[in-house]
Protein backbone atom coordinates (compact mmCIF):
# COMPACT_ATOMS: atom_id res chain seq x y z
CA MET A 1 -30.35 -42.51 55.02
CA ARG A 2 -32.02 -39.29 53.72
CA PRO A 3 -35.78 -38.92 54.04
CA ARG A 4 -37.61 -38.86 50.71
CA GLY A 5 -39.25 -35.59 49.57
CA GLY A 6 -42.86 -35.32 48.37
CA PHE A 7 -46.37 -35.64 49.70
CA THR A 8 -48.21 -38.53 51.23
CA VAL A 9 -51.43 -39.85 49.73
CA ILE A 10 -53.36 -38.46 52.72
CA GLU A 11 -51.98 -34.96 52.15
CA LEU A 12 -52.91 -35.08 48.45
CA MET A 13 -56.44 -36.27 49.30
CA VAL A 14 -56.92 -33.39 51.75
CA VAL A 15 -55.77 -30.81 49.15
CA ILE A 16 -58.04 -32.31 46.46
CA GLY A 17 -60.98 -32.22 48.93
CA ILE A 18 -60.35 -28.55 49.73
CA ILE A 19 -60.18 -27.70 46.02
CA GLY A 20 -63.44 -29.59 45.43
CA ILE A 21 -65.26 -27.72 48.20
CA GLY A 22 -63.96 -24.37 46.89
CA SER A 23 -65.07 -25.22 43.35
CA ALA A 24 -68.55 -26.20 44.52
CA MET A 25 -68.91 -22.88 46.35
CA ALA A 26 -67.74 -20.93 43.27
CA VAL A 27 -70.17 -22.73 40.95
CA SER A 28 -73.15 -22.14 43.25
CA SER A 29 -72.20 -18.47 43.47
CA LEU A 30 -71.93 -18.16 39.68
CA ILE A 31 -75.33 -19.79 39.22
CA THR A 32 -76.95 -16.84 41.01
CA VAL A 33 -74.66 -14.10 39.64
CA MET A 34 -74.69 -14.92 35.90
CA PRO A 35 -78.43 -14.23 35.38
CA ARG A 36 -78.05 -10.85 37.08
CA TRP A 37 -75.14 -10.01 34.79
CA ARG A 38 -77.21 -11.01 31.75
CA LEU A 39 -80.11 -8.91 33.01
CA GLN A 40 -77.93 -5.85 33.56
CA GLY A 41 -76.26 -6.38 30.18
CA SER A 42 -79.61 -6.60 28.40
CA ALA A 43 -80.85 -3.38 30.02
CA THR A 44 -77.64 -1.62 28.99
CA ASP A 45 -78.04 -2.99 25.44
CA VAL A 46 -81.64 -1.74 25.23
CA LEU A 47 -80.51 1.70 26.42
CA THR A 48 -77.73 1.65 23.79
CA GLN A 49 -80.28 0.83 21.07
CA LEU A 50 -82.51 3.69 22.25
CA GLN A 51 -79.54 6.07 22.09
CA TYR A 52 -78.74 4.75 18.60
CA SER A 53 -82.36 5.42 17.56
CA ARG A 54 -82.19 8.96 18.90
CA PHE A 55 -78.93 9.56 17.03
CA GLU A 56 -80.43 8.21 13.79
CA ALA A 57 -83.46 10.51 14.14
CA VAL A 58 -81.22 13.57 14.43
CA LYS A 59 -78.81 12.40 11.72
CA ARG A 60 -81.55 11.63 9.18
CA ASN A 61 -83.80 14.54 10.22
CA ARG A 62 -86.69 12.06 10.31
CA PRO A 63 -88.65 10.43 13.13
CA VAL A 64 -87.30 7.06 14.26
CA ILE A 65 -89.63 4.52 15.85
CA VAL A 66 -88.60 1.89 18.37
CA GLN A 67 -91.42 -0.65 18.37
CA PHE A 68 -91.40 -3.27 21.13
CA THR A 69 -92.58 -6.69 19.99
CA ASN A 70 -94.03 -9.61 21.92
CA ILE A 71 -93.76 -7.80 25.26
CA GLY A 72 -93.89 -10.31 28.10
CA ASN A 73 -92.95 -13.28 25.92
CA VAL A 74 -89.99 -15.13 27.43
CA THR A 75 -88.72 -16.45 24.07
CA THR A 76 -89.53 -13.77 21.47
CA SER A 77 -89.71 -10.32 23.10
CA GLY A 78 -87.68 -7.74 21.27
CA MET A 79 -87.59 -4.44 19.46
CA THR A 80 -87.67 -3.18 15.89
CA ILE A 81 -86.10 0.15 14.97
CA CYS A 82 -87.23 1.96 11.82
CA VAL A 83 -87.22 5.36 10.16
CA ASP A 84 -90.67 6.93 9.78
CA GLY A 85 -90.09 8.27 6.25
CA ASN A 86 -93.65 9.61 5.94
CA ARG A 87 -93.51 11.35 9.34
CA LEU A 88 -96.73 9.69 10.46
CA TYR A 89 -95.65 9.34 14.12
CA ASP A 90 -97.87 6.25 14.34
CA GLY A 91 -95.48 4.10 16.40
CA VAL A 92 -95.57 1.20 13.92
CA CYS A 93 -92.61 -0.10 11.91
CA ALA A 94 -94.73 -1.72 9.18
CA GLY A 95 -96.12 -0.03 6.10
CA ALA A 96 -95.18 2.28 3.28
CA GLY A 97 -92.42 4.77 3.93
CA LYS A 98 -90.95 2.81 6.87
CA ILE A 99 -87.25 1.93 6.57
CA ALA A 100 -86.16 -0.88 8.88
CA LEU A 101 -82.82 -0.30 10.62
CA LYS A 102 -82.59 -3.11 13.18
CA THR A 103 -84.59 -5.96 14.67
CA LEU A 104 -83.47 -7.50 17.96
CA LYS A 105 -84.82 -10.44 19.94
CA ILE A 106 -83.68 -10.02 23.52
CA PRO A 107 -83.81 -13.75 24.47
CA ASP A 108 -81.55 -14.59 21.50
CA LEU A 109 -78.92 -12.15 22.76
CA TYR A 110 -79.43 -12.76 26.48
CA PRO A 111 -80.79 -16.21 27.36
CA ARG A 112 -83.55 -16.24 30.00
CA VAL A 113 -84.01 -12.45 29.78
CA TYR A 114 -87.01 -10.75 28.19
CA ILE A 115 -88.90 -7.44 28.02
CA SER A 116 -91.67 -7.86 30.58
CA THR A 117 -93.34 -4.42 30.36
CA VAL A 118 -93.09 -1.08 28.56
CA ALA A 119 -95.08 1.74 30.14
CA ASP A 120 -95.23 5.48 30.49
CA ALA A 121 -96.98 7.44 33.25
CA GLY A 122 -100.31 6.83 31.48
CA GLY A 123 -100.00 3.04 31.18
CA ALA A 124 -98.69 0.41 28.75
CA VAL A 125 -97.11 1.50 25.46
CA THR A 126 -95.71 -0.49 22.54
CA SER A 127 -93.33 2.04 20.99
CA ILE A 128 -91.17 5.11 21.49
CA THR A 129 -90.78 7.68 18.71
CA PHE A 130 -87.80 10.02 18.56
CA GLY A 131 -88.39 13.22 16.63
CA PRO A 132 -85.79 14.83 14.33
CA ASP A 133 -84.67 16.95 17.29
CA GLY A 134 -83.89 13.81 19.35
CA MET A 135 -86.80 14.35 21.73
CA VAL A 136 -89.34 11.63 22.55
CA ARG A 137 -92.70 12.39 20.94
CA GLY A 138 -96.10 11.54 22.43
CA GLY A 139 -96.95 9.80 25.67
CA THR A 140 -96.46 10.91 29.23
CA MET A 141 -92.91 10.69 30.48
CA PRO A 142 -90.95 8.88 31.65
CA VAL A 143 -91.15 5.66 29.63
CA THR A 144 -89.99 2.64 31.63
CA ILE A 145 -88.87 -0.57 29.96
CA THR A 146 -88.66 -3.45 32.41
CA MET A 147 -86.33 -6.34 31.66
CA ALA A 148 -87.01 -9.54 33.61
CA SER A 149 -85.19 -12.78 34.27
CA PRO A 150 -85.98 -15.74 36.51
CA ILE A 151 -83.05 -15.99 38.93
CA VAL A 152 -82.15 -19.55 39.88
CA SER A 153 -81.89 -19.95 43.61
CA VAL A 154 -79.94 -22.77 45.22
CA ALA A 155 -82.21 -22.64 48.26
CA GLY A 156 -85.59 -22.54 46.55
CA PRO A 157 -87.64 -21.93 43.42
CA PRO A 158 -86.53 -19.35 40.82
CA ALA A 159 -87.33 -15.74 41.66
CA LEU A 160 -88.12 -13.12 39.02
CA THR A 161 -85.68 -10.23 39.05
CA ASN A 162 -86.16 -6.96 37.15
CA TYR A 163 -83.91 -4.27 35.72
CA GLN A 164 -85.31 -1.07 34.23
CA VAL A 165 -84.45 1.35 31.48
CA VAL A 166 -86.00 4.78 32.07
CA MET A 167 -86.27 7.26 29.18
CA ASP A 168 -87.29 10.89 29.71
CA ARG A 169 -88.73 13.39 27.21
CA SER A 170 -85.28 14.68 26.22
CA GLY A 171 -84.37 11.22 24.93
CA ILE A 172 -81.81 10.65 27.63
CA GLY A 173 -82.13 7.39 29.49
CA LYS A 174 -80.62 5.49 32.38
CA THR A 175 -80.69 1.96 33.76
CA ALA A 176 -81.68 1.05 37.30
CA PRO A 177 -82.15 -2.24 39.19
């Protein structure tokens, strides 16, 4: 008589147990990695929007304002980009002569990520203005935009992690953890 091929119930149970343990380890790893990816992605997106604003200023030969809104608010922090048609260089996207280009809420695009601070060497700021030559006007450089996200930890309470966008006078920026 030929022996039957196949697996025993014990062998199948062992394989299913190993797969379960591997899955649990992967999920716990993703829980800590996903917020960091969102944080890095949001910083890159903010830098992209700043580069877009600089490009628009040069293209339109008009100042473009990036006004940061609700800084530090976990659910509504964001940025508004507008053309300063009157060339007031006032850092505000409301009023006559202002042409709105974009409005972004960071937490809507990247859950659990928000703009925690915007500051230059002199202290807190609420806007960046790009002149028609693409250079940043006003303030003391560099301007640092800090993105924050509470990172969920399997071992303990959530920790706040930051990622920064740094913009220099020339209008060229970079991201850094």
